[in-house]
Structure formats: C-alpha cells, structure tokens
Amino acid sequence: MFLYVTLRNTLLFFFLISLFQDTIAVRNNTMVDKIFVGLLFGLLMASLPIILKFFKLPVNAGSLILIGVVAAFLFYFVGFYLTEFLTVASNGVVETGIESLDFRMEDRTVAFMVLSVVSATLSMIMETLSQSK
C-alpha cells in the first residue's frame, strides 16, 4: 500500500510540474532527475499518515492537508534553496496554464505557498477518493 501511495504522489508531482510548467521545474531537465525528485515528493507525501500516527493525531482530511502543506512547503524550500533540484518562479509570475488564474508575486515564498497548498490538497483528495471504494 505504501508503494502505491508513493507512486500515486509521484504521478501527482509530474502533474503539478506540467500544470505549473513555467513556475516550477526540475533544475536539470533530464528524465532521471524528474523521476528522482518525483519519488522524493511521493515518499514525503506517502509518509504523512505515518507522521500523523507518530504524533497521535487523527488521520483525516483536515490533518492531512495541514501537515501536507507544511511538508510540501519544506520540500519546495529545501529543493530550491539547499539542494537546488528545483527552480521556482524564475520570472516572477505563477502561471497555471489558465491565463485568468495567473498572478504576479513579490518573491518565491508566495510560489512555495501556492504550490504547497495545491500539492497537499490534491494529495488529500486522491487519498480520500482511494479510501472511499
């Protein structure tokens, strides 16, 4: 089950980098690097229920979004500033592929927050849908 959730979140990461293609990109645009960063994202998001259980918090939609936003923000922050795997919003515009939803930002922190909220929400939606069989 953990492997399935990891692969599902890896595919979610690929969806996000194609949706926000001008906002987030893998630094070396090779497939191996994309798969590596995607698997790291998938492992992080798949381990969220384990982290919640460790701290004796309930594993529900609200707690998954809350912890997911923090974890995704740390992932994007570390991926950009420390490991330099990711490039985030190099042109100052968060582009979604839908022109009316694009917006300008002051710094990359806004892009980190938007990507974190979208990542955590989509991951939680996929988790909830997979449990309601």
N, C-alpha and C. Protein backbone atom coordinates (compact mmCIF):
# COMPACT_ATOMS: atom_id res chain seq x y z
N MET A 1 0.82 -1.20 0.00
CA MET A 1 0.00 0.00 0.00
C MET A 1 0.87 1.27 0.00
N PHE A 2 1.98 1.25 0.75
CA PHE A 2 2.86 2.41 0.82
C PHE A 2 3.46 2.69 -0.55
N LEU A 3 3.82 1.62 -1.28
CA LEU A 3 4.38 1.78 -2.62
C LEU A 3 3.36 2.40 -3.57
N TYR A 4 2.11 1.97 -3.47
CA TYR A 4 1.05 2.52 -4.31
C TYR A 4 0.86 4.02 -4.03
N VAL A 5 0.83 4.40 -2.77
CA VAL A 5 0.65 5.81 -2.40
C VAL A 5 1.86 6.63 -2.87
N THR A 6 3.06 6.06 -2.76
CA THR A 6 4.26 6.76 -3.22
C THR A 6 4.20 7.00 -4.72
N LEU A 7 3.84 5.97 -5.49
CA LEU A 7 3.74 6.13 -6.95
C LEU A 7 2.62 7.09 -7.33
N ARG A 8 1.52 7.06 -6.62
CA ARG A 8 0.42 7.98 -6.89
C ARG A 8 0.85 9.42 -6.67
N ASN A 9 1.56 9.69 -5.59
CA ASN A 9 2.04 11.04 -5.32
C ASN A 9 3.18 11.44 -6.25
N THR A 10 3.95 10.47 -6.74
CA THR A 10 4.96 10.77 -7.76
C THR A 10 4.29 11.24 -9.05
N LEU A 11 3.23 10.55 -9.44
CA LEU A 11 2.47 10.98 -10.62
C LEU A 11 1.81 12.33 -10.39
N LEU A 12 1.38 12.59 -9.16
CA LEU A 12 0.83 13.90 -8.81
C LEU A 12 1.89 14.99 -8.99
N PHE A 13 3.13 14.70 -8.61
CA PHE A 13 4.20 15.67 -8.80
C PHE A 13 4.43 15.95 -10.29
N PHE A 14 4.40 14.91 -11.13
CA PHE A 14 4.54 15.12 -12.57
C PHE A 14 3.38 15.95 -13.11
N PHE A 15 2.18 15.73 -12.59
CA PHE A 15 1.03 16.53 -12.99
C PHE A 15 1.24 17.99 -12.59
N LEU A 16 1.76 18.21 -11.39
CA LEU A 16 1.98 19.59 -10.92
C LEU A 16 3.05 20.31 -11.73
N ILE A 17 4.14 19.62 -12.07
CA ILE A 17 5.17 20.31 -12.85
C ILE A 17 4.73 20.53 -14.30
N SER A 18 3.76 19.76 -14.77
CA SER A 18 3.22 20.07 -16.10
C SER A 18 2.15 21.15 -16.02
N LEU A 19 1.38 21.20 -14.93
CA LEU A 19 0.37 22.24 -14.76
C LEU A 19 1.01 23.59 -14.51
N PHE A 20 2.01 23.64 -13.63
CA PHE A 20 2.72 24.87 -13.31
C PHE A 20 4.09 24.88 -14.03
N GLN A 21 4.08 24.63 -15.32
CA GLN A 21 5.33 24.41 -16.04
C GLN A 21 6.25 25.62 -16.08
N ASP A 22 5.73 26.82 -16.03
CA ASP A 22 6.61 27.99 -16.02
C ASP A 22 6.93 28.45 -14.60
N THR A 23 6.29 27.85 -13.61
CA THR A 23 6.51 28.23 -12.22
C THR A 23 7.51 27.31 -11.54
N ILE A 24 7.39 26.02 -11.76
CA ILE A 24 8.29 25.05 -11.12
C ILE A 24 8.88 24.14 -12.19
N ALA A 25 10.15 23.86 -12.06
CA ALA A 25 10.82 22.96 -12.99
C ALA A 25 11.96 22.27 -12.25
N VAL A 26 12.31 21.10 -12.73
CA VAL A 26 13.47 20.41 -12.19
C VAL A 26 14.70 21.04 -12.83
N ARG A 27 15.72 21.29 -12.01
CA ARG A 27 16.90 22.07 -12.45
C ARG A 27 17.53 21.47 -13.71
N ASN A 28 17.98 20.24 -13.64
CA ASN A 28 18.50 19.56 -14.83
C ASN A 28 17.31 18.87 -15.47
N ASN A 29 16.93 19.31 -16.63
CA ASN A 29 15.67 18.87 -17.23
C ASN A 29 15.79 17.48 -17.85
N THR A 30 16.41 16.54 -17.12
CA THR A 30 16.50 15.16 -17.60
C THR A 30 15.44 14.32 -16.93
N MET A 31 15.08 13.23 -17.56
CA MET A 31 14.02 12.38 -17.02
C MET A 31 14.45 11.71 -15.72
N VAL A 32 15.72 11.36 -15.60
CA VAL A 32 16.21 10.73 -14.37
C VAL A 32 16.06 11.68 -13.18
N ASP A 33 16.40 12.95 -13.38
CA ASP A 33 16.25 13.93 -12.30
C ASP A 33 14.79 14.15 -11.94
N LYS A 34 13.92 14.19 -12.96
CA LYS A 34 12.50 14.36 -12.68
C LYS A 34 11.95 13.17 -11.90
N ILE A 35 12.35 11.97 -12.27
CA ILE A 35 11.88 10.78 -11.55
C ILE A 35 12.40 10.78 -10.12
N PHE A 36 13.66 11.14 -9.93
CA PHE A 36 14.25 11.18 -8.59
C PHE A 36 13.52 12.18 -7.69
N VAL A 37 13.33 13.40 -8.18
CA VAL A 37 12.65 14.42 -7.39
C VAL A 37 11.18 14.03 -7.17
N GLY A 38 10.55 13.46 -8.19
CA GLY A 38 9.17 13.00 -8.05
C GLY A 38 9.04 11.90 -7.01
N LEU A 39 9.98 10.97 -6.99
CA LEU A 39 9.96 9.91 -5.97
C LEU A 39 10.19 10.46 -4.57
N LEU A 40 11.06 11.46 -4.45
CA LEU A 40 11.24 12.09 -3.14
C LEU A 40 9.94 12.75 -2.67
N PHE A 41 9.27 13.44 -3.58
CA PHE A 41 7.99 14.06 -3.24
C PHE A 41 6.96 12.99 -2.88
N GLY A 42 6.93 11.91 -3.67
CA GLY A 42 5.99 10.82 -3.39
C GLY A 42 6.23 10.17 -2.04
N LEU A 43 7.50 9.94 -1.70
CA LEU A 43 7.83 9.35 -0.39
C LEU A 43 7.42 10.28 0.75
N LEU A 44 7.66 11.56 0.57
CA LEU A 44 7.30 12.52 1.61
C LEU A 44 5.80 12.55 1.83
N MET A 45 5.03 12.65 0.76
CA MET A 45 3.58 12.74 0.91
C MET A 45 2.98 11.40 1.35
N ALA A 46 3.59 10.29 0.98
CA ALA A 46 3.09 8.98 1.41
C ALA A 46 3.36 8.74 2.89
N SER A 47 4.38 9.39 3.43
CA SER A 47 4.70 9.20 4.84
C SER A 47 3.90 10.10 5.77
N LEU A 48 3.04 10.95 5.24
CA LEU A 48 2.26 11.84 6.09
C LEU A 48 1.35 11.11 7.08
N PRO A 49 0.60 10.07 6.67
CA PRO A 49 -0.20 9.36 7.67
C PRO A 49 0.65 8.71 8.77
N ILE A 50 1.84 8.27 8.43
CA ILE A 50 2.73 7.69 9.43
C ILE A 50 3.18 8.76 10.42
N ILE A 51 3.50 9.95 9.90
CA ILE A 51 3.90 11.05 10.77
C ILE A 51 2.75 11.45 11.69
N LEU A 52 1.53 11.50 11.15
CA LEU A 52 0.38 11.85 11.98
C LEU A 52 0.15 10.82 13.08
N LYS A 53 0.27 9.55 12.75
CA LYS A 53 0.10 8.50 13.75
C LYS A 53 1.20 8.56 14.81
N PHE A 54 2.41 8.93 14.41
CA PHE A 54 3.51 9.04 15.36
C PHE A 54 3.21 10.10 16.42
N PHE A 55 2.65 11.21 16.00
CA PHE A 55 2.31 12.28 16.94
C PHE A 55 0.92 12.11 17.54
N LYS A 56 0.30 10.94 17.32
CA LYS A 56 -1.01 10.60 17.86
C LYS A 56 -2.09 11.60 17.45
N LEU A 57 -2.01 12.04 16.21
CA LEU A 57 -3.02 12.93 15.65
C LEU A 57 -3.96 12.10 14.79
N PRO A 58 -5.22 12.52 14.66
CA PRO A 58 -6.14 11.75 13.81
C PRO A 58 -5.76 11.89 12.34
N VAL A 59 -5.91 10.79 11.62
CA VAL A 59 -5.61 10.80 10.19
C VAL A 59 -6.93 11.05 9.45
N ASN A 60 -7.22 12.33 9.22
CA ASN A 60 -8.40 12.71 8.47
C ASN A 60 -8.01 13.76 7.44
N ALA A 61 -8.98 14.25 6.69
CA ALA A 61 -8.70 15.17 5.60
C ALA A 61 -8.05 16.46 6.10
N GLY A 62 -8.56 17.01 7.19
CA GLY A 62 -8.02 18.27 7.71
C GLY A 62 -6.58 18.15 8.16
N SER A 63 -6.27 17.08 8.88
CA SER A 63 -4.90 16.93 9.36
C SER A 63 -3.95 16.60 8.22
N LEU A 64 -4.42 15.86 7.20
CA LEU A 64 -3.57 15.57 6.04
C LEU A 64 -3.25 16.85 5.27
N ILE A 65 -4.24 17.73 5.13
CA ILE A 65 -3.97 19.00 4.43
C ILE A 65 -3.02 19.86 5.23
N LEU A 66 -3.26 19.96 6.54
CA LEU A 66 -2.43 20.82 7.38
C LEU A 66 -0.97 20.37 7.38
N ILE A 67 -0.74 19.11 7.66
CA ILE A 67 0.63 18.59 7.68
C ILE A 67 1.19 18.52 6.26
N GLY A 68 0.33 18.26 5.27
CA GLY A 68 0.78 18.21 3.89
C GLY A 68 1.26 19.55 3.37
N VAL A 69 0.59 20.63 3.78
CA VAL A 69 1.02 21.96 3.36
C VAL A 69 2.40 22.27 3.94
N VAL A 70 2.60 21.95 5.20
CA VAL A 70 3.90 22.19 5.84
C VAL A 70 4.98 21.33 5.19
N ALA A 71 4.68 20.05 4.98
CA ALA A 71 5.67 19.15 4.39
C ALA A 71 6.00 19.55 2.95
N ALA A 72 5.00 19.90 2.17
CA ALA A 72 5.24 20.31 0.79
C ALA A 72 6.02 21.62 0.73
N PHE A 73 5.70 22.55 1.64
CA PHE A 73 6.45 23.81 1.68
C PHE A 73 7.91 23.54 1.99
N LEU A 74 8.18 22.66 2.96
CA LEU A 74 9.57 22.32 3.28
C LEU A 74 10.25 21.61 2.10
N PHE A 75 9.51 20.77 1.40
CA PHE A 75 10.07 20.09 0.23
C PHE A 75 10.49 21.10 -0.84
N TYR A 76 9.60 22.03 -1.17
CA TYR A 76 9.93 23.03 -2.20
C TYR A 76 11.04 23.96 -1.72
N PHE A 77 11.02 24.33 -0.45
CA PHE A 77 12.04 25.21 0.11
C PHE A 77 13.42 24.55 0.07
N VAL A 78 13.48 23.31 0.55
CA VAL A 78 14.76 22.58 0.54
C VAL A 78 15.18 22.27 -0.89
N GLY A 79 14.23 21.92 -1.74
CA GLY A 79 14.55 21.62 -3.13
C GLY A 79 15.07 22.81 -3.90
N PHE A 80 14.68 24.01 -3.50
CA PHE A 80 15.14 25.20 -4.20
C PHE A 80 16.40 25.78 -3.57
N TYR A 81 16.39 25.98 -2.26
CA TYR A 81 17.49 26.70 -1.63
C TYR A 81 18.67 25.82 -1.23
N LEU A 82 18.42 24.63 -0.74
CA LEU A 82 19.53 23.82 -0.21
C LEU A 82 20.10 22.84 -1.23
N THR A 83 19.24 22.08 -1.88
CA THR A 83 19.75 21.07 -2.82
C THR A 83 19.77 21.56 -4.26
N GLU A 84 19.05 22.63 -4.55
CA GLU A 84 18.97 23.23 -5.88
C GLU A 84 18.49 22.23 -6.94
N PHE A 85 17.57 21.33 -6.54
CA PHE A 85 16.95 20.43 -7.51
C PHE A 85 15.88 21.13 -8.33
N LEU A 86 15.24 22.13 -7.74
CA LEU A 86 14.09 22.77 -8.36
C LEU A 86 14.38 24.22 -8.69
N THR A 87 13.75 24.70 -9.74
CA THR A 87 13.70 26.14 -9.98
C THR A 87 12.24 26.54 -9.80
N VAL A 88 12.01 27.61 -9.06
CA VAL A 88 10.65 28.02 -8.74
C VAL A 88 10.46 29.47 -9.14
N ALA A 89 9.49 29.72 -10.00
CA ALA A 89 9.03 31.06 -10.38
C ALA A 89 10.19 31.98 -10.72
N SER A 90 10.93 31.60 -11.71
CA SER A 90 12.09 32.41 -12.08
C SER A 90 11.70 33.72 -12.74
N ASN A 91 10.48 33.80 -13.29
CA ASN A 91 10.08 35.03 -13.97
C ASN A 91 9.15 35.91 -13.13
N GLY A 92 8.85 35.53 -11.89
CA GLY A 92 8.02 36.36 -11.03
C GLY A 92 6.53 36.21 -11.25
N VAL A 93 6.10 35.25 -12.05
CA VAL A 93 4.68 35.04 -12.31
C VAL A 93 4.36 33.58 -12.03
N VAL A 94 3.33 33.33 -11.23
CA VAL A 94 2.84 31.97 -11.03
C VAL A 94 1.86 31.70 -12.15
N GLU A 95 2.22 30.81 -13.06
CA GLU A 95 1.39 30.51 -14.21
C GLU A 95 0.79 29.13 -14.05
N THR A 96 -0.53 29.05 -14.27
CA THR A 96 -1.24 27.80 -14.08
C THR A 96 -1.63 27.13 -15.39
N GLY A 97 -1.34 27.76 -16.51
CA GLY A 97 -1.80 27.24 -17.79
C GLY A 97 -3.15 27.82 -18.17
N ILE A 98 -3.86 28.41 -17.21
CA ILE A 98 -5.12 29.11 -17.45
C ILE A 98 -4.83 30.58 -17.21
N GLU A 99 -4.93 31.38 -18.25
CA GLU A 99 -4.44 32.75 -18.18
C GLU A 99 -5.13 33.59 -17.11
N SER A 100 -6.40 33.34 -16.84
CA SER A 100 -7.10 34.15 -15.85
C SER A 100 -6.69 33.81 -14.41
N LEU A 101 -6.03 32.67 -14.20
CA LEU A 101 -5.59 32.28 -12.86
C LEU A 101 -4.13 32.63 -12.57
N ASP A 102 -3.43 33.20 -13.55
CA ASP A 102 -2.03 33.60 -13.35
C ASP A 102 -1.96 34.85 -12.49
N PHE A 103 -0.93 34.97 -11.67
CA PHE A 103 -0.76 36.18 -10.88
C PHE A 103 0.72 36.45 -10.65
N ARG A 104 1.02 37.73 -10.44
CA ARG A 104 2.39 38.15 -10.16
C ARG A 104 2.63 38.03 -8.67
N MET A 105 3.89 37.89 -8.31
CA MET A 105 4.22 37.76 -6.90
C MET A 105 5.45 38.57 -6.59
N GLU A 106 5.62 38.87 -5.32
CA GLU A 106 6.76 39.67 -4.89
C GLU A 106 8.03 38.83 -4.76
N ASP A 107 7.89 37.62 -4.23
CA ASP A 107 9.06 36.75 -4.07
C ASP A 107 8.64 35.30 -4.24
N ARG A 108 9.59 34.41 -4.13
CA ARG A 108 9.33 32.99 -4.36
C ARG A 108 8.55 32.34 -3.22
N THR A 109 8.47 32.99 -2.08
CA THR A 109 7.74 32.41 -0.96
C THR A 109 6.27 32.23 -1.30
N VAL A 110 5.71 33.16 -2.06
CA VAL A 110 4.32 33.04 -2.48
C VAL A 110 4.15 31.81 -3.37
N ALA A 111 5.09 31.59 -4.27
CA ALA A 111 5.03 30.41 -5.13
C ALA A 111 5.13 29.14 -4.30
N PHE A 112 6.01 29.13 -3.29
CA PHE A 112 6.11 27.97 -2.40
C PHE A 112 4.78 27.70 -1.71
N MET A 113 4.13 28.77 -1.23
CA MET A 113 2.86 28.60 -0.52
C MET A 113 1.76 28.09 -1.45
N VAL A 114 1.67 28.67 -2.66
CA VAL A 114 0.65 28.23 -3.60
C VAL A 114 0.87 26.78 -4.00
N LEU A 115 2.10 26.43 -4.34
CA LEU A 115 2.41 25.05 -4.71
C LEU A 115 2.16 24.09 -3.55
N SER A 116 2.45 24.52 -2.33
CA SER A 116 2.24 23.66 -1.17
C SER A 116 0.76 23.39 -0.93
N VAL A 117 -0.05 24.43 -1.02
CA VAL A 117 -1.49 24.26 -0.81
C VAL A 117 -2.08 23.38 -1.90
N VAL A 118 -1.71 23.62 -3.15
CA VAL A 118 -2.23 22.81 -4.26
C VAL A 118 -1.75 21.37 -4.12
N SER A 119 -0.49 21.15 -3.80
CA SER A 119 0.06 19.80 -3.65
C SER A 119 -0.65 19.04 -2.55
N ALA A 120 -0.78 19.66 -1.39
CA ALA A 120 -1.40 18.98 -0.25
C ALA A 120 -2.88 18.71 -0.51
N THR A 121 -3.56 19.66 -1.11
CA THR A 121 -4.99 19.47 -1.38
C THR A 121 -5.22 18.35 -2.38
N LEU A 122 -4.46 18.34 -3.47
CA LEU A 122 -4.62 17.26 -4.45
C LEU A 122 -4.23 15.91 -3.88
N SER A 123 -3.19 15.87 -3.07
CA SER A 123 -2.79 14.61 -2.45
C SER A 123 -3.88 14.10 -1.51
N MET A 124 -4.48 15.00 -0.73
CA MET A 124 -5.53 14.61 0.19
C MET A 124 -6.77 14.15 -0.58
N ILE A 125 -7.10 14.84 -1.66
CA ILE A 125 -8.26 14.43 -2.46
C ILE A 125 -8.03 13.04 -3.04
N MET A 126 -6.85 12.78 -3.55
CA MET A 126 -6.55 11.46 -4.09
C MET A 126 -6.58 10.39 -3.00
N GLU A 127 -6.09 10.72 -1.81
CA GLU A 127 -6.12 9.78 -0.69
C GLU A 127 -7.57 9.47 -0.28
N THR A 128 -8.39 10.51 -0.19
CA THR A 128 -9.79 10.32 0.20
C THR A 128 -10.56 9.52 -0.84
N LEU A 129 -10.32 9.82 -2.11
CA LEU A 129 -11.00 9.06 -3.16
C LEU A 129 -10.57 7.61 -3.21
N SER A 130 -9.31 7.34 -2.92
CA SER A 130 -8.85 5.95 -2.96
C SER A 130 -9.39 5.15 -1.76
N GLN A 131 -9.69 5.82 -0.66
CA GLN A 131 -10.24 5.11 0.51
C GLN A 131 -11.73 4.88 0.41
N SER A 132 -12.43 5.68 -0.36
CA SER A 132 -13.90 5.53 -0.48
C SER A 132 -14.26 4.65 -1.66
N LYS A 133 -13.91 3.38 -1.56
CA LYS A 133 -14.17 2.43 -2.64
C LYS A 133 -15.55 1.84 -2.50
